[in-house]
């Protein structure tokens, strides 16, 4: 049970991290032509 929870938590963390990286890169590219 704990392993499943940790795996879901890790997946969520990685997805959020990738999403934020994309958003930051997108904003940076717009502000820095």
C-alpha atoms as a PDB file:
ATOM      1  CA  UNK A   1       0.000   0.000   0.000  1.00  0.00           C
ATOM      2  CA  UNK A   2       2.785   2.384   0.951  1.00  0.00           C
ATOM      3  CA  UNK A   3       4.745   1.548  -2.202  1.00  0.00           C
ATOM      4  CA  UNK A   4       1.742   2.385  -4.376  1.00  0.00           C
ATOM      5  CA  UNK A   5       1.266   5.676  -2.552  1.00  0.00           C
ATOM      6  CA  UNK A   6       4.941   6.611  -2.946  1.00  0.00           C
ATOM      7  CA  UNK A   7       4.866   5.709  -6.636  1.00  0.00           C
ATOM      8  CA  UNK A   8       1.785   7.882  -7.201  1.00  0.00           C
ATOM      9  CA  UNK A   9       3.367  10.710  -5.217  1.00  0.00           C
ATOM     10  CA  UNK A  10       6.567  10.478  -7.244  1.00  0.00           C
ATOM     11  CA  UNK A  11       4.668  10.428 -10.535  1.00  0.00           C
ATOM     12  CA  UNK A  12       2.659  13.487  -9.488  1.00  0.00           C
ATOM     13  CA  UNK A  13       5.819  15.313  -8.383  1.00  0.00           C
ATOM     14  CA  UNK A  14       7.635  14.570 -11.662  1.00  0.00           C
ATOM     15  CA  UNK A  15       4.622  15.581 -13.755  1.00  0.00           C
ATOM     16  CA  UNK A  16       4.247  18.849 -11.860  1.00  0.00           C
ATOM     17  CA  UNK A  17       7.972  19.532 -12.109  1.00  0.00           C
ATOM     18  CA  UNK A  18       7.970  18.962 -15.881  1.00  0.00           C
ATOM     19  CA  UNK A  19       4.856  21.127 -16.269  1.00  0.00           C
ATOM     20  CA  UNK A  20       6.450  23.972 -14.304  1.00  0.00           C
ATOM     21  CA  UNK A  21       9.668  23.680 -16.324  1.00  0.00           C
ATOM     22  CA  UNK A  22       7.679  24.016 -19.537  1.00  0.00           C
ATOM     23  CA  UNK A  23       5.727  27.005 -18.221  1.00  0.00           C
ATOM     24  CA  UNK A  24       8.904  28.761 -17.035  1.00  0.00           C
ATOM     25  CA  UNK A  25      10.640  28.091 -20.349  1.00  0.00           C
ATOM     26  CA  UNK A  26       7.626  29.367 -22.268  1.00  0.00           C
ATOM     27  CA  UNK A  27       7.452  32.561 -20.190  1.00  0.00           C
ATOM     28  CA  UNK A  28      11.217  33.040 -20.448  1.00  0.00           C
ATOM     29  CA  UNK A  29      11.120  32.697 -24.248  1.00  0.00           C
ATOM     30  CA  UNK A  30       8.317  35.270 -24.447  1.00  0.00           C
ATOM     31  CA  UNK A  31      10.153  37.771 -22.244  1.00  0.00           C
ATOM     32  CA  UNK A  32      13.527  37.194 -23.894  1.00  0.00           C
ATOM     33  CA  UNK A  33      13.192  37.220 -27.688  1.00  0.00           C
END
